[in-house]
């Protein structure tokens, strides 16, 4: 009976049945969050990782192919996502330290030499390029990005303000960051990494 129920749940997901999507959350979300927490040791990060996985399943539901139990499939996805997050955090921490050292050296150089005005010009040009890229985003995506980045609002706060689900908010944040990465990929990559994505 349990296997049949699981088969029906997967079938419902493939067919775009929102009741199946809600059932997926209800049956697996809390367990998956606890499992993710055992890796990342952060409740918000754990919930975000699990929400992203479930949302991605919904996005790719038409091509969903699961040969094992749904719980095992989800646990494996959470494990991989958690490990990727930890690897990313370690790389970001290393990058922060490296960039911080570089910026300290450059700052000393700017004080010793007369290059600081050039640095200010580069920062202004970067800000202008970011403004143009953000301005080209669809209206809702732009508003959500600005609420997150400029106003410092959390996903939950944005979702309440805009009467959206947290998953939809995350979707628009991903859209905006992908657009910025594309538009600014060749412009001062180290500074962009620090300014946009840390």
N, C-alpha and C. Protein backbone atom coordinates (compact mmCIF):
# COMPACT_ATOMS: atom_id res chain seq x y z
N UNK A 1 0.84 -1.21 0.00
CA UNK A 1 0.00 0.00 0.00
C UNK A 1 0.86 1.24 0.00
N UNK A 2 1.95 1.22 0.81
CA UNK A 2 2.85 2.37 0.88
C UNK A 2 3.52 2.61 -0.46
N UNK A 3 3.90 1.46 -1.15
CA UNK A 3 4.57 1.58 -2.44
C UNK A 3 3.62 2.17 -3.47
N UNK A 4 2.38 1.70 -3.44
CA UNK A 4 1.38 2.22 -4.37
C UNK A 4 1.16 3.71 -4.14
N UNK A 5 1.08 4.11 -2.88
CA UNK A 5 0.89 5.52 -2.56
C UNK A 5 2.06 6.35 -3.10
N UNK A 6 3.27 5.83 -2.93
CA UNK A 6 4.44 6.55 -3.40
C UNK A 6 4.44 6.65 -4.92
N UNK A 7 4.04 5.56 -5.60
CA UNK A 7 3.95 5.58 -7.06
C UNK A 7 2.93 6.62 -7.52
N UNK A 8 1.82 6.68 -6.80
CA UNK A 8 0.79 7.68 -7.15
C UNK A 8 1.30 9.10 -6.93
N UNK A 9 2.09 9.28 -5.87
CA UNK A 9 2.65 10.61 -5.58
C UNK A 9 3.59 11.04 -6.69
N UNK A 10 4.48 10.15 -7.11
CA UNK A 10 5.42 10.46 -8.20
C UNK A 10 4.65 10.73 -9.50
N UNK A 11 3.64 9.90 -9.75
CA UNK A 11 2.82 10.09 -10.95
C UNK A 11 2.13 11.45 -10.91
N UNK A 12 1.59 11.80 -9.73
CA UNK A 12 0.93 13.10 -9.58
C UNK A 12 1.88 14.26 -9.81
N UNK A 13 3.11 14.12 -9.34
CA UNK A 13 4.11 15.17 -9.57
C UNK A 13 4.37 15.34 -11.06
N UNK A 14 4.54 14.22 -11.75
CA UNK A 14 4.80 14.28 -13.20
C UNK A 14 3.67 14.97 -13.95
N UNK A 15 2.44 14.76 -13.45
CA UNK A 15 1.27 15.34 -14.12
C UNK A 15 1.01 16.79 -13.70
N UNK A 16 1.84 17.30 -12.77
CA UNK A 16 1.66 18.69 -12.35
C UNK A 16 0.56 18.88 -11.33
N UNK A 17 0.24 17.84 -10.59
CA UNK A 17 -0.82 17.89 -9.58
C UNK A 17 -0.29 18.61 -8.32
N UNK A 18 -0.84 19.78 -8.03
CA UNK A 18 -0.36 20.56 -6.88
C UNK A 18 -0.61 19.83 -5.56
N UNK A 19 -1.62 18.99 -5.50
CA UNK A 19 -1.88 18.22 -4.29
C UNK A 19 -0.72 17.26 -4.02
N UNK A 20 -0.14 16.72 -5.08
CA UNK A 20 1.02 15.84 -4.94
C UNK A 20 2.22 16.62 -4.44
N UNK A 21 2.36 17.84 -4.94
CA UNK A 21 3.47 18.71 -4.51
C UNK A 21 3.34 19.02 -3.01
N UNK A 22 2.13 19.33 -2.57
CA UNK A 22 1.90 19.60 -1.15
C UNK A 22 2.13 18.35 -0.31
N UNK A 23 1.74 17.21 -0.83
CA UNK A 23 1.94 15.95 -0.12
C UNK A 23 3.43 15.64 0.03
N UNK A 24 4.18 15.97 -1.01
CA UNK A 24 5.64 15.78 -0.97
C UNK A 24 6.23 16.59 0.18
N UNK A 25 5.82 17.84 0.29
CA UNK A 25 6.26 18.68 1.40
C UNK A 25 5.86 18.08 2.75
N UNK A 26 4.59 17.72 2.86
CA UNK A 26 4.06 17.27 4.15
C UNK A 26 4.75 16.00 4.64
N UNK A 27 5.03 15.08 3.71
CA UNK A 27 5.55 13.77 4.10
C UNK A 27 7.07 13.77 4.31
N UNK A 28 7.79 14.67 3.63
CA UNK A 28 9.24 14.54 3.63
C UNK A 28 10.01 15.78 4.13
N UNK A 29 9.38 16.93 4.16
CA UNK A 29 10.10 18.18 4.42
C UNK A 29 10.84 18.15 5.77
N UNK A 30 10.15 17.83 6.85
CA UNK A 30 10.77 17.91 8.19
C UNK A 30 11.94 16.94 8.33
N UNK A 31 11.76 15.72 7.84
CA UNK A 31 12.83 14.73 7.93
C UNK A 31 14.04 15.18 7.13
N UNK A 32 13.79 15.71 5.94
CA UNK A 32 14.89 16.15 5.08
C UNK A 32 15.62 17.35 5.68
N UNK A 33 14.88 18.24 6.33
CA UNK A 33 15.51 19.39 6.98
C UNK A 33 16.42 18.93 8.12
N UNK A 34 15.95 17.97 8.89
CA UNK A 34 16.77 17.44 9.99
C UNK A 34 18.03 16.77 9.44
N UNK A 35 17.88 16.07 8.32
CA UNK A 35 19.03 15.40 7.69
C UNK A 35 20.03 16.44 7.17
N UNK A 36 19.52 17.48 6.52
CA UNK A 36 20.40 18.54 6.00
C UNK A 36 21.11 19.25 7.15
N UNK A 37 20.39 19.46 8.24
CA UNK A 37 20.97 20.15 9.40
C UNK A 37 22.16 19.36 9.97
N UNK A 38 22.11 18.04 9.88
CA UNK A 38 23.21 17.22 10.40
C UNK A 38 24.49 17.48 9.63
N UNK A 39 24.36 18.02 8.42
CA UNK A 39 25.54 18.37 7.62
C UNK A 39 25.95 19.83 7.81
N UNK A 40 24.98 20.74 7.65
CA UNK A 40 25.32 22.17 7.57
C UNK A 40 25.25 22.89 8.91
N UNK A 41 24.58 22.28 9.90
CA UNK A 41 24.50 22.84 11.25
C UNK A 41 23.91 24.25 11.27
N UNK A 42 22.93 24.49 10.39
CA UNK A 42 22.28 25.80 10.31
C UNK A 42 20.85 25.56 9.83
N UNK A 43 19.87 25.89 10.68
CA UNK A 43 18.47 25.59 10.37
C UNK A 43 18.00 26.28 9.10
N UNK A 44 18.32 27.58 8.96
CA UNK A 44 17.85 28.33 7.78
C UNK A 44 18.45 27.76 6.51
N UNK A 45 19.76 27.47 6.53
CA UNK A 45 20.42 26.90 5.34
C UNK A 45 19.81 25.53 5.02
N UNK A 46 19.59 24.71 6.05
CA UNK A 46 19.01 23.38 5.84
C UNK A 46 17.63 23.50 5.17
N UNK A 47 16.79 24.39 5.68
CA UNK A 47 15.45 24.57 5.12
C UNK A 47 15.53 25.09 3.69
N UNK A 48 16.48 25.99 3.43
CA UNK A 48 16.64 26.53 2.08
C UNK A 48 17.06 25.45 1.10
N UNK A 49 18.03 24.62 1.50
CA UNK A 49 18.50 23.55 0.63
C UNK A 49 17.36 22.58 0.30
N UNK A 50 16.60 22.19 1.31
CA UNK A 50 15.50 21.25 1.10
C UNK A 50 14.41 21.87 0.22
N UNK A 51 14.08 23.12 0.48
CA UNK A 51 13.07 23.81 -0.34
C UNK A 51 13.50 23.89 -1.79
N UNK A 52 14.77 24.17 -2.02
CA UNK A 52 15.30 24.24 -3.39
C UNK A 52 15.19 22.89 -4.08
N UNK A 53 15.51 21.83 -3.37
CA UNK A 53 15.45 20.49 -3.96
C UNK A 53 14.01 20.15 -4.35
N UNK A 54 13.07 20.39 -3.44
CA UNK A 54 11.67 20.08 -3.74
C UNK A 54 11.15 20.96 -4.87
N UNK A 55 11.56 22.23 -4.88
CA UNK A 55 11.14 23.14 -5.95
C UNK A 55 11.71 22.69 -7.29
N UNK A 56 12.98 22.24 -7.29
CA UNK A 56 13.60 21.77 -8.54
C UNK A 56 12.91 20.52 -9.06
N UNK A 57 12.46 19.66 -8.15
CA UNK A 57 11.70 18.48 -8.57
C UNK A 57 10.42 18.91 -9.27
N UNK A 58 9.77 19.93 -8.71
CA UNK A 58 8.53 20.43 -9.32
C UNK A 58 8.81 21.06 -10.68
N UNK A 59 9.90 21.80 -10.78
CA UNK A 59 10.25 22.44 -12.06
C UNK A 59 10.53 21.40 -13.15
N UNK A 60 11.16 20.29 -12.77
CA UNK A 60 11.57 19.27 -13.74
C UNK A 60 10.66 18.05 -13.68
N UNK A 61 9.44 18.25 -13.21
CA UNK A 61 8.54 17.14 -12.92
C UNK A 61 8.23 16.27 -14.15
N UNK A 62 8.18 16.89 -15.33
CA UNK A 62 7.81 16.12 -16.52
C UNK A 62 8.86 15.08 -16.88
N UNK A 63 10.12 15.33 -16.50
CA UNK A 63 11.19 14.38 -16.81
C UNK A 63 11.63 13.61 -15.57
N UNK A 64 10.80 13.65 -14.52
CA UNK A 64 11.14 13.00 -13.25
C UNK A 64 11.22 11.48 -13.44
N UNK A 65 12.38 10.92 -13.06
CA UNK A 65 12.58 9.47 -13.22
C UNK A 65 13.25 8.95 -11.95
N UNK A 66 12.51 8.21 -11.15
CA UNK A 66 13.01 7.71 -9.86
C UNK A 66 12.91 6.19 -9.85
N UNK A 67 14.07 5.52 -9.69
CA UNK A 67 14.10 4.06 -9.72
C UNK A 67 14.17 3.46 -8.31
N UNK A 68 14.38 4.32 -7.30
CA UNK A 68 14.45 3.85 -5.93
C UNK A 68 13.27 4.45 -5.15
N UNK A 69 13.24 4.27 -3.86
CA UNK A 69 12.15 4.88 -3.09
C UNK A 69 12.31 6.41 -3.13
N UNK A 70 11.19 7.11 -3.05
CA UNK A 70 11.21 8.56 -3.12
C UNK A 70 12.02 9.15 -1.96
N UNK A 71 11.88 8.58 -0.75
CA UNK A 71 12.62 9.08 0.41
C UNK A 71 14.13 8.92 0.17
N UNK A 72 14.55 7.76 -0.35
CA UNK A 72 15.98 7.52 -0.62
C UNK A 72 16.49 8.50 -1.67
N UNK A 73 15.67 8.74 -2.69
CA UNK A 73 16.03 9.69 -3.74
C UNK A 73 16.23 11.10 -3.16
N UNK A 74 15.31 11.51 -2.31
CA UNK A 74 15.38 12.84 -1.70
C UNK A 74 16.56 12.95 -0.73
N UNK A 75 16.81 11.91 0.05
CA UNK A 75 17.92 11.93 1.01
C UNK A 75 19.25 12.06 0.27
N UNK A 76 19.38 11.34 -0.84
CA UNK A 76 20.61 11.43 -1.63
C UNK A 76 20.78 12.84 -2.19
N UNK A 77 19.68 13.43 -2.66
CA UNK A 77 19.74 14.79 -3.20
C UNK A 77 20.13 15.78 -2.11
N UNK A 78 19.58 15.62 -0.91
CA UNK A 78 19.91 16.51 0.21
C UNK A 78 21.37 16.35 0.61
N UNK A 79 21.84 15.13 0.67
CA UNK A 79 23.25 14.88 1.02
C UNK A 79 24.17 15.57 0.02
N UNK A 80 23.92 15.38 -1.28
CA UNK A 80 24.76 16.00 -2.31
C UNK A 80 24.70 17.52 -2.25
N UNK A 81 23.49 18.05 -2.06
CA UNK A 81 23.32 19.50 -1.99
C UNK A 81 24.03 20.07 -0.76
N UNK A 82 23.97 19.38 0.36
CA UNK A 82 24.62 19.84 1.59
C UNK A 82 26.13 19.85 1.43
N UNK A 83 26.66 18.79 0.84
CA UNK A 83 28.11 18.70 0.62
C UNK A 83 28.57 19.79 -0.34
N UNK A 84 27.79 20.03 -1.40
CA UNK A 84 28.13 21.10 -2.35
C UNK A 84 28.11 22.46 -1.66
N UNK A 85 27.13 22.66 -0.77
CA UNK A 85 27.05 23.92 -0.03
C UNK A 85 28.29 24.12 0.83
N UNK A 86 28.69 23.08 1.55
CA UNK A 86 29.86 23.18 2.42
C UNK A 86 31.13 23.43 1.61
N UNK A 87 31.25 22.76 0.46
CA UNK A 87 32.41 22.99 -0.42
C UNK A 87 32.42 24.44 -0.92
N UNK A 88 31.23 24.92 -1.29
CA UNK A 88 31.12 26.30 -1.77
C UNK A 88 31.49 27.30 -0.68
N UNK A 89 31.01 27.04 0.54
CA UNK A 89 31.32 27.93 1.66
C UNK A 89 32.83 27.97 1.91
N UNK A 90 33.47 26.81 1.82
CA UNK A 90 34.92 26.76 2.05
C UNK A 90 35.65 27.56 0.97
N UNK A 91 35.22 27.40 -0.28
CA UNK A 91 35.85 28.17 -1.37
C UNK A 91 35.61 29.66 -1.18
N UNK A 92 34.38 30.02 -0.78
CA UNK A 92 34.07 31.44 -0.57
C UNK A 92 34.89 32.03 0.57
N UNK A 93 35.06 31.25 1.65
CA UNK A 93 35.87 31.73 2.78
C UNK A 93 37.31 31.94 2.35
N UNK A 94 37.84 31.01 1.56
CA UNK A 94 39.21 31.15 1.06
C UNK A 94 39.33 32.36 0.15
N UNK A 95 38.28 32.56 -0.70
CA UNK A 95 38.30 33.70 -1.60
C UNK A 95 38.24 35.01 -0.83
N UNK A 96 37.39 35.07 0.20
CA UNK A 96 37.29 36.27 1.02
C UNK A 96 38.64 36.64 1.62
N UNK A 97 39.31 35.62 2.18
CA UNK A 97 40.61 35.88 2.79
C UNK A 97 41.61 36.36 1.75
N UNK A 98 41.58 35.73 0.58
CA UNK A 98 42.52 36.10 -0.48
C UNK A 98 42.26 37.52 -0.98
N UNK A 99 40.98 37.83 -1.23
CA UNK A 99 40.62 39.16 -1.73
C UNK A 99 40.91 40.22 -0.68
N UNK A 100 40.63 39.89 0.59
CA UNK A 100 40.89 40.84 1.67
C UNK A 100 42.37 41.20 1.72
N UNK A 101 43.23 40.19 1.58
CA UNK A 101 44.67 40.46 1.57
C UNK A 101 45.06 41.32 0.37
N UNK A 102 44.48 40.99 -0.79
CA UNK A 102 44.79 41.77 -2.00
C UNK A 102 44.34 43.22 -1.86
N UNK A 103 43.13 43.41 -1.31
CA UNK A 103 42.60 44.76 -1.17
C UNK A 103 43.42 45.57 -0.17
N UNK A 104 43.89 44.92 0.89
CA UNK A 104 44.74 45.62 1.85
C UNK A 104 46.03 46.09 1.19
N UNK A 105 46.61 45.21 0.38
CA UNK A 105 47.85 45.59 -0.31
C UNK A 105 47.59 46.73 -1.30
N UNK A 106 46.45 46.65 -2.02
CA UNK A 106 46.13 47.70 -2.98
C UNK A 106 45.86 49.03 -2.28
N UNK A 107 45.19 48.94 -1.15
CA UNK A 107 44.89 50.14 -0.39
C UNK A 107 46.18 50.83 0.04
N UNK A 108 47.12 50.02 0.52
CA UNK A 108 48.42 50.59 0.90
C UNK A 108 49.08 51.23 -0.30
N UNK A 109 48.97 50.56 -1.43
CA UNK A 109 49.57 51.09 -2.65
C UNK A 109 48.90 52.39 -3.08
N UNK A 110 47.56 52.45 -2.93
CA UNK A 110 46.84 53.66 -3.31
C UNK A 110 47.24 54.85 -2.43
N UNK A 111 47.50 54.57 -1.17
CA UNK A 111 47.90 55.65 -0.28
C UNK A 111 49.32 56.11 -0.59
N UNK A 112 50.17 55.14 -0.96
CA UNK A 112 51.56 55.49 -1.26
C UNK A 112 51.69 56.17 -2.61
N UNK A 113 50.84 55.75 -3.55
CA UNK A 113 50.88 56.34 -4.89
C UNK A 113 49.61 57.16 -5.10
N UNK A 114 49.46 57.67 -6.29
CA UNK A 114 48.33 58.56 -6.51
C UNK A 114 47.28 57.88 -7.38
N UNK A 115 46.92 56.60 -7.05
CA UNK A 115 46.02 55.83 -7.90
C UNK A 115 44.59 55.78 -7.36
N UNK A 116 44.33 56.30 -6.21
CA UNK A 116 43.01 56.16 -5.61
C UNK A 116 41.87 56.70 -6.48
N UNK A 117 42.05 57.85 -7.16
CA UNK A 117 40.96 58.33 -8.03
C UNK A 117 40.58 57.30 -9.10
N UNK A 118 41.57 56.57 -9.64
CA UNK A 118 41.26 55.56 -10.62
C UNK A 118 40.40 54.45 -10.02
N UNK A 119 40.71 54.07 -8.78
CA UNK A 119 39.92 53.06 -8.08
C UNK A 119 38.47 53.52 -7.93
N UNK A 120 38.28 54.77 -7.56
CA UNK A 120 36.93 55.32 -7.40
C UNK A 120 36.17 55.29 -8.72
N UNK A 121 36.86 55.60 -9.82
CA UNK A 121 36.22 55.58 -11.13
C UNK A 121 35.77 54.17 -11.50
N UNK A 122 36.62 53.18 -11.20
CA UNK A 122 36.28 51.80 -11.50
C UNK A 122 35.08 51.35 -10.68
N UNK A 123 35.03 51.74 -9.41
CA UNK A 123 33.89 51.39 -8.57
C UNK A 123 32.60 52.02 -9.11
N UNK A 124 32.69 53.26 -9.55
CA UNK A 124 31.51 53.95 -10.10
C UNK A 124 31.04 53.27 -11.39
N UNK A 125 32.00 52.88 -12.23
CA UNK A 125 31.64 52.21 -13.48
C UNK A 125 30.96 50.87 -13.19
N UNK A 126 31.48 50.15 -12.21
CA UNK A 126 30.89 48.88 -11.82
C UNK A 126 29.47 49.08 -11.31
N UNK A 127 29.26 50.08 -10.46
CA UNK A 127 27.93 50.37 -9.93
C UNK A 127 26.95 50.69 -11.07
N UNK A 128 27.43 51.46 -12.07
CA UNK A 128 26.58 51.81 -13.21
C UNK A 128 26.17 50.57 -14.00
N UNK A 129 27.13 49.65 -14.21
CA UNK A 129 26.84 48.43 -14.97
C UNK A 129 25.83 47.56 -14.21
N UNK A 130 25.99 47.49 -12.90
CA UNK A 130 25.05 46.71 -12.09
C UNK A 130 23.66 47.33 -12.18
N UNK A 131 23.58 48.66 -12.11
CA UNK A 131 22.29 49.34 -12.17
C UNK A 131 21.59 49.07 -13.50
N UNK A 132 22.36 49.08 -14.60
CA UNK A 132 21.78 48.81 -15.92
C UNK A 132 21.26 47.38 -16.00
N UNK A 133 22.05 46.44 -15.47
CA UNK A 133 21.65 45.03 -15.50
C UNK A 133 20.39 44.81 -14.67
N UNK A 134 20.35 45.38 -13.47
CA UNK A 134 19.17 45.24 -12.60
C UNK A 134 17.96 45.89 -13.26
N UNK A 135 18.18 47.04 -13.92
CA UNK A 135 17.09 47.74 -14.57
C UNK A 135 16.48 46.97 -15.73
N UNK A 136 17.24 46.02 -16.29
CA UNK A 136 16.74 45.24 -17.43
C UNK A 136 15.93 44.02 -17.00
N UNK A 137 15.90 43.76 -15.69
CA UNK A 137 15.16 42.60 -15.20
C UNK A 137 13.65 42.82 -15.32
N UNK A 138 12.86 41.74 -15.43
CA UNK A 138 11.40 41.89 -15.38
C UNK A 138 11.00 42.57 -14.06
N UNK A 139 9.88 43.27 -14.09
CA UNK A 139 9.50 44.13 -12.96
C UNK A 139 9.46 43.37 -11.63
N UNK A 140 8.78 42.23 -11.59
CA UNK A 140 8.66 41.49 -10.33
C UNK A 140 10.02 40.97 -9.87
N UNK A 141 10.81 40.46 -10.80
CA UNK A 141 12.15 39.96 -10.46
C UNK A 141 13.00 41.09 -9.90
N UNK A 142 12.92 42.25 -10.55
CA UNK A 142 13.71 43.42 -10.10
C UNK A 142 13.28 43.85 -8.70
N UNK A 143 11.99 43.90 -8.46
CA UNK A 143 11.50 44.32 -7.15
C UNK A 143 11.95 43.36 -6.05
N UNK A 144 11.87 42.06 -6.33
CA UNK A 144 12.27 41.06 -5.33
C UNK A 144 13.77 41.14 -5.08
N UNK A 145 14.55 41.32 -6.14
CA UNK A 145 16.01 41.44 -5.98
C UNK A 145 16.35 42.65 -5.11
N UNK A 146 15.71 43.79 -5.40
CA UNK A 146 16.00 45.01 -4.65
C UNK A 146 15.56 44.90 -3.19
N UNK A 147 14.44 44.23 -2.96
CA UNK A 147 13.98 44.04 -1.57
C UNK A 147 14.97 43.18 -0.80
N UNK A 148 15.56 42.20 -1.48
CA UNK A 148 16.53 41.32 -0.83
C UNK A 148 17.87 42.01 -0.65
N UNK A 149 18.40 42.60 -1.71
CA UNK A 149 19.74 43.15 -1.66
C UNK A 149 19.79 44.57 -1.08
N UNK A 150 18.88 45.42 -1.52
CA UNK A 150 18.93 46.82 -1.08
C UNK A 150 18.29 47.04 0.29
N UNK A 151 17.16 46.35 0.52
CA UNK A 151 16.43 46.55 1.78
C UNK A 151 16.79 45.51 2.84
N UNK A 152 17.58 44.51 2.44
CA UNK A 152 18.01 43.50 3.41
C UNK A 152 16.89 42.62 3.93
N UNK A 153 15.81 42.46 3.15
CA UNK A 153 14.67 41.66 3.61
C UNK A 153 14.94 40.18 3.39
N UNK A 154 14.45 39.35 4.32
CA UNK A 154 14.58 37.91 4.18
C UNK A 154 13.52 37.38 3.22
N UNK A 155 13.76 36.16 2.72
CA UNK A 155 12.82 35.57 1.77
C UNK A 155 11.41 35.51 2.33
N UNK A 156 11.30 35.15 3.63
CA UNK A 156 9.98 35.05 4.25
C UNK A 156 9.27 36.40 4.26
N UNK A 157 10.04 37.47 4.54
CA UNK A 157 9.46 38.82 4.57
C UNK A 157 8.99 39.25 3.18
N UNK A 158 9.81 38.95 2.18
CA UNK A 158 9.44 39.30 0.81
C UNK A 158 8.19 38.53 0.39
N UNK A 159 8.16 37.25 0.74
CA UNK A 159 7.00 36.41 0.38
C UNK A 159 5.71 36.98 0.97
N UNK A 160 5.78 37.39 2.25
CA UNK A 160 4.58 37.99 2.88
C UNK A 160 4.21 39.31 2.22
N UNK A 161 5.21 40.13 1.95
CA UNK A 161 4.96 41.44 1.35
C UNK A 161 4.33 41.33 -0.03
N UNK A 162 4.81 40.35 -0.81
CA UNK A 162 4.35 40.21 -2.20
C UNK A 162 3.24 39.15 -2.35
N UNK A 163 2.86 38.53 -1.22
CA UNK A 163 1.84 37.49 -1.25
C UNK A 163 2.24 36.35 -2.19
N UNK A 164 3.49 35.90 -2.03
CA UNK A 164 4.03 34.81 -2.85
C UNK A 164 4.54 33.71 -1.93
N UNK A 165 4.84 32.55 -2.51
CA UNK A 165 5.48 31.50 -1.73
C UNK A 165 6.99 31.80 -1.65
N UNK A 166 7.65 31.22 -0.65
CA UNK A 166 9.10 31.41 -0.52
C UNK A 166 9.81 30.84 -1.74
N UNK A 167 9.31 29.72 -2.28
CA UNK A 167 9.95 29.12 -3.46
C UNK A 167 9.91 30.05 -4.66
N UNK A 168 8.82 30.77 -4.83
CA UNK A 168 8.72 31.72 -5.95
C UNK A 168 9.70 32.87 -5.74
N UNK A 169 9.85 33.33 -4.51
CA UNK A 169 10.82 34.39 -4.21
C UNK A 169 12.23 33.91 -4.56
N UNK A 170 12.56 32.69 -4.14
CA UNK A 170 13.90 32.14 -4.44
C UNK A 170 14.11 32.02 -5.94
N UNK A 171 13.05 31.63 -6.64
CA UNK A 171 13.14 31.50 -8.10
C UNK A 171 13.51 32.83 -8.74
N UNK A 172 12.89 33.92 -8.31
CA UNK A 172 13.18 35.24 -8.88
C UNK A 172 14.58 35.73 -8.47
N UNK A 173 15.01 35.40 -7.25
CA UNK A 173 16.37 35.76 -6.85
C UNK A 173 17.38 35.05 -7.74
N UNK A 174 17.13 33.75 -8.00
CA UNK A 174 18.04 33.01 -8.89
C UNK A 174 18.06 33.62 -10.29
N UNK A 175 16.88 34.00 -10.80
CA UNK A 175 16.81 34.64 -12.11
C UNK A 175 17.66 35.91 -12.16
N UNK A 176 17.54 36.74 -11.13
CA UNK A 176 18.25 38.01 -11.10
C UNK A 176 19.76 37.79 -11.02
N UNK A 177 20.20 36.85 -10.17
CA UNK A 177 21.64 36.60 -10.04
C UNK A 177 22.23 36.00 -11.32
N UNK A 178 21.45 35.13 -11.98
CA UNK A 178 21.91 34.58 -13.26
C UNK A 178 22.07 35.68 -14.30
N UNK A 179 21.13 36.61 -14.32
CA UNK A 179 21.20 37.73 -15.27
C UNK A 179 22.43 38.60 -14.98
N UNK A 180 22.68 38.90 -13.69
CA UNK A 180 23.83 39.71 -13.32
C UNK A 180 25.14 39.00 -13.66
N UNK A 181 25.21 37.70 -13.39
CA UNK A 181 26.41 36.95 -13.74
C UNK A 181 26.69 37.03 -15.24
N UNK A 182 25.62 36.92 -16.02
CA UNK A 182 25.77 36.96 -17.48
C UNK A 182 26.22 38.35 -17.95
N UNK A 183 25.57 39.39 -17.43
CA UNK A 183 25.86 40.75 -17.89
C UNK A 183 27.24 41.23 -17.43
N UNK A 184 27.69 40.75 -16.27
CA UNK A 184 28.92 41.30 -15.68
C UNK A 184 30.06 40.30 -15.60
N UNK A 185 29.95 39.20 -16.35
CA UNK A 185 30.91 38.10 -16.19
C UNK A 185 32.35 38.50 -16.54
N UNK A 186 32.53 39.48 -17.43
CA UNK A 186 33.88 39.86 -17.84
C UNK A 186 34.40 41.10 -17.12
N UNK A 187 33.63 41.60 -16.15
CA UNK A 187 34.00 42.86 -15.52
C UNK A 187 34.45 42.65 -14.07
N UNK A 188 35.71 42.81 -13.84
CA UNK A 188 36.28 42.69 -12.50
C UNK A 188 35.68 41.50 -11.74
N UNK A 189 35.96 40.27 -12.19
CA UNK A 189 35.30 39.10 -11.59
C UNK A 189 35.49 38.94 -10.10
N UNK A 190 36.64 39.30 -9.56
CA UNK A 190 36.85 39.15 -8.12
C UNK A 190 35.96 40.10 -7.35
N UNK A 191 35.91 41.37 -7.80
CA UNK A 191 35.06 42.36 -7.11
C UNK A 191 33.59 41.95 -7.20
N UNK A 192 33.19 41.41 -8.37
CA UNK A 192 31.80 41.02 -8.53
C UNK A 192 31.45 39.89 -7.58
N UNK A 193 32.35 38.97 -7.43
CA UNK A 193 32.11 37.86 -6.52
C UNK A 193 31.88 38.39 -5.10
N UNK A 194 32.71 39.35 -4.69
CA UNK A 194 32.57 39.92 -3.35
C UNK A 194 31.27 40.72 -3.23
N UNK A 195 30.97 41.51 -4.26
CA UNK A 195 29.88 42.48 -4.15
C UNK A 195 28.50 41.84 -4.29
N UNK A 196 28.41 40.84 -5.19
CA UNK A 196 27.10 40.32 -5.51
C UNK A 196 26.72 39.03 -4.83
N UNK A 197 27.66 38.14 -4.67
CA UNK A 197 27.28 36.77 -4.38
C UNK A 197 27.74 36.25 -3.04
N UNK A 198 28.39 37.06 -2.19
CA UNK A 198 28.84 36.57 -0.89
C UNK A 198 27.76 36.86 0.15
